[in-house]
Protein backbone atom coordinates (compact mmCIF):
# COMPACT_ATOMS: atom_id res chain seq x y z
CA MET A 1 69.57 105.98 103.08
CA THR A 2 68.97 103.42 100.35
CA PRO A 3 72.05 101.34 99.42
CA ARG A 4 73.20 101.91 95.83
CA PRO A 5 75.42 99.67 93.72
CA ALA A 6 78.92 101.09 93.44
CA LEU A 7 82.35 100.11 92.24
CA VAL A 8 85.43 100.10 94.44
CA ARG A 9 88.61 99.03 92.71
CA THR A 10 91.97 98.38 94.29
CA PRO A 11 94.27 99.41 92.77
CA GLY A 12 92.70 101.99 90.61
CA SER A 13 92.78 100.73 87.02
CA ARG A 14 89.54 101.31 85.10
CA PRO A 15 89.84 99.93 81.56
CA HIS A 16 87.15 100.25 78.94
CA ALA A 17 85.61 96.93 77.93
CA ARG A 18 88.24 94.87 76.06
CA GLN A 19 90.91 97.55 76.60
CA ASP A 20 94.37 96.49 77.67
CA SER A 21 96.46 98.58 80.02
CA TYR A 22 99.76 97.98 78.33
CA ARG A 23 100.03 101.26 76.41
CA PHE A 24 101.74 102.91 79.35
CA ALA A 25 105.24 102.48 80.74
CA PRO A 26 106.13 98.84 81.43
CA THR A 27 106.84 97.72 84.97
CA PRO A 28 109.79 95.29 84.99
CA ALA A 29 108.65 93.26 88.00
CA PHE A 30 105.10 92.78 86.68
CA VAL A 31 105.46 90.16 83.95
CA ILE A 32 102.50 88.51 82.25
CA ASP A 33 103.25 85.19 80.57
CA VAL A 34 100.76 84.56 77.76
CA ALA A 35 100.16 80.93 76.79
CA ASP A 36 99.42 79.65 73.27
CA ASP A 37 95.68 79.78 74.06
CA GLY A 38 95.92 83.54 74.67
CA PHE A 39 95.34 83.42 78.43
CA GLY A 40 97.85 85.32 80.51
CA PHE A 41 99.00 84.77 84.07
CA LEU A 42 101.54 86.63 86.17
CA ASN A 43 105.02 85.15 86.00
CA ARG A 44 105.52 82.79 88.95
CA GLU A 45 109.07 83.95 89.72
CA GLN A 46 108.23 87.68 89.57
CA PHE A 47 104.80 87.44 91.24
CA LYS A 48 105.75 88.56 94.75
CA ALA A 49 107.96 91.47 93.60
CA GLY A 50 105.50 92.72 91.00
CA PHE A 51 102.14 92.09 92.62
CA ALA A 52 102.42 91.45 96.36
CA ALA A 53 105.70 92.96 97.53
CA ASP A 54 104.45 93.67 101.05
CA ALA A 55 102.69 90.31 101.54
CA SER A 56 104.30 87.42 103.39
CA ASP A 57 105.82 84.65 101.26
CA ARG A 58 102.91 82.40 102.22
CA GLU A 59 100.26 85.00 101.30
CA ALA A 60 102.01 85.83 98.01
CA ALA A 61 102.28 82.12 97.11
CA PHE A 62 98.55 81.67 97.77
CA MET A 63 97.68 84.67 95.55
CA ARG A 64 100.09 83.45 92.85
CA ASP A 65 98.57 79.98 92.82
CA ALA A 66 94.98 81.29 92.87
CA GLN A 67 95.28 83.43 89.72
CA VAL A 68 92.39 83.34 87.27
CA GLU A 69 91.83 85.03 83.93
CA VAL A 70 89.10 87.67 83.93
CA ALA A 71 87.45 89.00 80.77
CA VAL A 72 85.93 92.49 80.87
CA THR A 73 82.84 92.83 78.71
CA LYS A 74 81.31 95.97 80.24
CA ALA A 75 83.08 98.84 82.00
CA ALA A 76 81.21 99.08 85.32
CA TRP A 77 82.57 102.55 86.10
CA ARG A 78 80.49 103.99 83.24
CA SER A 79 77.24 103.36 85.13
CA LYS A 80 78.23 103.15 88.81
CA PRO A 81 79.87 105.59 91.23
CA SER A 82 83.53 104.70 91.69
CA TRP A 83 86.14 104.87 94.42
CA ALA A 84 89.80 103.97 93.94
CA VAL A 85 92.52 103.01 96.37
CA ILE A 86 95.94 103.63 94.82
CA ALA A 87 98.95 101.92 96.36
CA THR A 88 101.99 104.20 96.24
CA GLU A 89 104.45 101.30 95.95
CA ASP A 90 102.51 99.48 93.22
CA ASN A 91 105.06 97.72 90.98
CA ALA A 92 102.38 96.18 88.77
CA PHE A 93 101.15 99.24 86.88
CA ASP A 94 102.60 102.53 85.79
CA GLN A 95 101.37 105.23 88.20
CA ALA A 96 100.51 107.55 85.27
CA MET A 97 98.23 104.87 83.83
CA ILE A 98 96.45 104.36 87.16
CA GLN A 99 95.93 108.11 87.63
CA HIS A 100 94.64 108.45 84.06
CA MET A 101 92.10 105.65 84.46
CA VAL A 102 90.71 106.67 87.83
CA GLN A 103 90.41 110.31 86.83
CA ARG A 104 88.65 109.30 83.60
CA ALA A 105 86.19 107.27 85.70
CA GLY A 106 85.54 110.24 87.98
CA ALA A 107 86.52 108.09 90.97
CA THR A 108 87.01 109.38 94.48
CA ILE A 109 90.70 108.60 95.08
CA THR A 110 92.49 107.50 98.25
CA THR A 111 96.22 106.80 98.26
CA VAL A 112 97.85 104.40 100.69
CA PRO A 113 101.34 102.96 101.12
CA GLY A 114 101.57 99.40 99.86
CA SER A 115 101.99 97.08 96.90
CA HIS A 116 99.51 96.16 94.17
CA ALA A 117 97.92 93.62 96.52
CA VAL A 118 97.18 96.21 99.22
């Protein structure tokens, strides 16, 4: 079998290029603070609850401090097979939004217990 490029995304959000995901229900523990320059980072105080609820304090602090801004210029799921792992206790995104995006991408879906940082 020849290896083929594919996309695996955890959790399952699949935005179009330059599409935000904030048209769905807000999640109170997942707060993005946007600076004057337009770059957004997850709120430091809410990070563990909203993004890494099942991680240790040390792991969550490392993830919080390692945040980087990512710009999407091309939706990879349009040209590559997709798989999605959806965390059932994800406090970062509305579950309806995640389901919508992964179904739109035609992804093979697996659900697992865990937070956004599963």
